[in-house]
Amino acid sequence: MSNKILFGLSLIERLIKSGALNRFSDAVNSKNANTMSKILNDVDYSASANKATVDTFMNNPKAFKKS
């Protein structure tokens, strides 16, 4: 997706807009860091934000709320 379309959106908003919310949720629940990282790249997360987000959800999957 284009940076212009996703600029200023939260993670949840980006996942919804890109149609990846359920895939990301499944990756978090199964602690699949590679899939989480790929999806975050697809929704234009920066490398540093990507790493921090994956680390957070790997350590605490319950921190991710789909709503």
N, C-alpha and C. Protein backbone atom coordinates (compact mmCIF):
# COMPACT_ATOMS: atom_id res chain seq x y z
N MET A 1 0.84 -1.19 0.00
CA MET A 1 0.00 0.00 0.00
C MET A 1 0.88 1.24 0.00
N SER A 2 0.33 2.28 -0.44
CA SER A 2 1.06 3.54 -0.54
C SER A 2 1.20 4.21 0.82
N ASN A 3 2.36 4.84 1.03
CA ASN A 3 2.57 5.61 2.25
C ASN A 3 1.51 6.69 2.42
N LYS A 4 1.06 7.28 1.31
CA LYS A 4 0.07 8.35 1.37
C LYS A 4 -1.26 7.85 1.91
N ILE A 5 -1.63 6.64 1.57
CA ILE A 5 -2.89 6.07 2.02
C ILE A 5 -2.84 5.74 3.51
N LEU A 6 -1.68 5.29 4.00
CA LEU A 6 -1.56 4.81 5.38
C LEU A 6 -0.98 5.84 6.33
N PHE A 7 -0.50 6.97 5.81
CA PHE A 7 0.13 7.98 6.65
C PHE A 7 -0.83 8.45 7.74
N GLY A 8 -0.35 8.45 8.98
CA GLY A 8 -1.12 8.94 10.11
C GLY A 8 -2.09 7.94 10.72
N LEU A 9 -2.16 6.74 10.15
CA LEU A 9 -3.07 5.73 10.68
C LEU A 9 -2.41 4.90 11.77
N SER A 10 -3.20 4.45 12.72
CA SER A 10 -2.69 3.56 13.77
C SER A 10 -2.44 2.18 13.18
N LEU A 11 -1.81 1.32 13.95
CA LEU A 11 -1.55 -0.04 13.49
C LEU A 11 -2.85 -0.74 13.12
N ILE A 12 -3.83 -0.69 14.00
CA ILE A 12 -5.11 -1.36 13.72
C ILE A 12 -5.74 -0.80 12.44
N GLU A 13 -5.73 0.51 12.28
CA GLU A 13 -6.31 1.11 11.09
C GLU A 13 -5.57 0.65 9.83
N ARG A 14 -4.26 0.57 9.91
CA ARG A 14 -3.46 0.10 8.76
C ARG A 14 -3.80 -1.35 8.43
N LEU A 15 -3.91 -2.18 9.46
CA LEU A 15 -4.22 -3.60 9.24
C LEU A 15 -5.60 -3.77 8.65
N ILE A 16 -6.56 -3.01 9.13
CA ILE A 16 -7.92 -3.09 8.59
C ILE A 16 -7.94 -2.63 7.13
N LYS A 17 -7.33 -1.48 6.86
CA LYS A 17 -7.34 -0.91 5.51
C LYS A 17 -6.66 -1.84 4.51
N SER A 18 -5.63 -2.56 4.96
CA SER A 18 -4.90 -3.46 4.06
C SER A 18 -5.51 -4.86 4.02
N GLY A 19 -6.50 -5.13 4.87
CA GLY A 19 -7.12 -6.45 4.89
C GLY A 19 -6.30 -7.50 5.60
N ALA A 20 -5.35 -7.07 6.45
CA ALA A 20 -4.43 -8.01 7.09
C ALA A 20 -4.69 -8.20 8.58
N LEU A 21 -5.78 -7.67 9.09
CA LEU A 21 -6.02 -7.73 10.53
C LEU A 21 -6.05 -9.16 11.06
N ASN A 22 -6.81 -10.03 10.44
CA ASN A 22 -6.90 -11.41 10.93
C ASN A 22 -5.59 -12.16 10.78
N ARG A 23 -4.89 -11.95 9.67
CA ARG A 23 -3.59 -12.61 9.49
C ARG A 23 -2.60 -12.15 10.55
N PHE A 24 -2.60 -10.84 10.85
CA PHE A 24 -1.69 -10.33 11.86
C PHE A 24 -2.06 -10.87 13.23
N SER A 25 -3.35 -10.89 13.54
CA SER A 25 -3.80 -11.44 14.82
C SER A 25 -3.39 -12.90 14.97
N ASP A 26 -3.55 -13.68 13.91
CA ASP A 26 -3.13 -15.08 13.94
C ASP A 26 -1.63 -15.20 14.17
N ALA A 27 -0.86 -14.34 13.53
CA ALA A 27 0.60 -14.36 13.70
C ALA A 27 0.98 -14.01 15.13
N VAL A 28 0.30 -13.04 15.72
CA VAL A 28 0.58 -12.68 17.11
C VAL A 28 0.25 -13.86 18.01
N ASN A 29 -0.92 -14.44 17.84
CA ASN A 29 -1.35 -15.55 18.70
C ASN A 29 -0.47 -16.77 18.58
N SER A 30 0.10 -16.99 17.40
CA SER A 30 0.99 -18.14 17.21
C SER A 30 2.46 -17.76 17.40
N LYS A 31 2.71 -16.51 17.77
CA LYS A 31 4.06 -15.98 18.00
C LYS A 31 4.96 -16.20 16.77
N ASN A 32 4.42 -15.86 15.61
CA ASN A 32 5.15 -16.00 14.35
C ASN A 32 5.75 -14.64 13.99
N ALA A 33 6.97 -14.41 14.46
CA ALA A 33 7.63 -13.12 14.27
C ALA A 33 7.86 -12.79 12.80
N ASN A 34 8.19 -13.79 11.99
CA ASN A 34 8.44 -13.54 10.57
C ASN A 34 7.20 -13.03 9.87
N THR A 35 6.06 -13.63 10.14
CA THR A 35 4.81 -13.19 9.51
C THR A 35 4.42 -11.81 10.01
N MET A 36 4.55 -11.57 11.32
CA MET A 36 4.25 -10.24 11.86
C MET A 36 5.10 -9.18 11.16
N SER A 37 6.39 -9.44 11.04
CA SER A 37 7.31 -8.50 10.43
C SER A 37 6.96 -8.24 8.97
N LYS A 38 6.63 -9.29 8.24
CA LYS A 38 6.26 -9.15 6.82
C LYS A 38 5.01 -8.28 6.69
N ILE A 39 4.01 -8.54 7.50
CA ILE A 39 2.78 -7.76 7.44
C ILE A 39 3.05 -6.31 7.79
N LEU A 40 3.85 -6.07 8.81
CA LEU A 40 4.18 -4.70 9.20
C LEU A 40 4.92 -3.98 8.07
N ASN A 41 5.80 -4.68 7.38
CA ASN A 41 6.46 -4.09 6.21
C ASN A 41 5.43 -3.74 5.14
N ASP A 42 4.47 -4.63 4.95
CA ASP A 42 3.43 -4.42 3.93
C ASP A 42 2.57 -3.20 4.23
N VAL A 43 2.43 -2.85 5.52
CA VAL A 43 1.61 -1.68 5.87
C VAL A 43 2.49 -0.47 6.19
N ASP A 44 3.68 -0.48 5.62
CA ASP A 44 4.60 0.67 5.67
C ASP A 44 5.06 1.06 7.07
N TYR A 45 5.27 0.08 7.93
CA TYR A 45 5.88 0.37 9.23
C TYR A 45 7.38 0.51 9.01
N SER A 46 7.99 1.46 9.69
CA SER A 46 9.44 1.64 9.57
C SER A 46 10.14 0.44 10.20
N ALA A 47 11.40 0.25 9.87
CA ALA A 47 12.17 -0.88 10.40
C ALA A 47 12.22 -0.84 11.92
N SER A 48 12.44 0.33 12.50
CA SER A 48 12.53 0.42 13.97
C SER A 48 11.17 0.18 14.62
N ALA A 49 10.11 0.71 14.04
CA ALA A 49 8.77 0.48 14.58
C ALA A 49 8.38 -0.98 14.42
N ASN A 50 8.77 -1.57 13.30
CA ASN A 50 8.49 -2.98 13.03
C ASN A 50 9.13 -3.83 14.12
N LYS A 51 10.41 -3.64 14.37
CA LYS A 51 11.12 -4.44 15.37
C LYS A 51 10.52 -4.26 16.76
N ALA A 52 10.25 -3.04 17.14
CA ALA A 52 9.68 -2.77 18.47
C ALA A 52 8.30 -3.42 18.62
N THR A 53 7.50 -3.36 17.57
CA THR A 53 6.16 -3.94 17.60
C THR A 53 6.22 -5.45 17.71
N VAL A 54 7.05 -6.08 16.89
CA VAL A 54 7.20 -7.53 16.94
C VAL A 54 7.72 -7.96 18.32
N ASP A 55 8.72 -7.27 18.83
CA ASP A 55 9.26 -7.60 20.16
C ASP A 55 8.18 -7.51 21.23
N THR A 56 7.38 -6.46 21.17
CA THR A 56 6.30 -6.29 22.15
C THR A 56 5.33 -7.46 22.11
N PHE A 57 4.86 -7.81 20.91
CA PHE A 57 3.86 -8.86 20.80
C PHE A 57 4.44 -10.25 21.00
N MET A 58 5.72 -10.44 20.75
CA MET A 58 6.36 -11.73 21.07
C MET A 58 6.42 -11.92 22.58
N ASN A 59 6.70 -10.84 23.29
CA ASN A 59 6.80 -10.92 24.76
C ASN A 59 5.44 -10.92 25.45
N ASN A 60 4.45 -10.30 24.81
CA ASN A 60 3.14 -10.19 25.43
C ASN A 60 2.05 -10.17 24.35
N PRO A 61 1.67 -11.35 23.84
CA PRO A 61 0.67 -11.39 22.77
C PRO A 61 -0.67 -10.76 23.18
N LYS A 62 -0.98 -10.77 24.46
CA LYS A 62 -2.25 -10.20 24.93
C LYS A 62 -2.28 -8.68 24.78
N ALA A 63 -1.12 -8.07 24.51
CA ALA A 63 -1.07 -6.62 24.31
C ALA A 63 -1.74 -6.22 23.01
N PHE A 64 -1.90 -7.17 22.07
CA PHE A 64 -2.54 -6.88 20.80
C PHE A 64 -4.04 -7.05 20.94
N LYS A 65 -4.76 -5.99 20.68
CA LYS A 65 -6.23 -6.00 20.74
C LYS A 65 -6.76 -5.65 19.36
N LYS A 66 -7.61 -6.52 18.81
CA LYS A 66 -8.14 -6.31 17.47
C LYS A 66 -9.16 -5.18 17.40
N SER A 67 -9.68 -4.75 18.51
CA SER A 67 -10.73 -3.72 18.45
C SER A 67 -10.18 -2.34 18.72
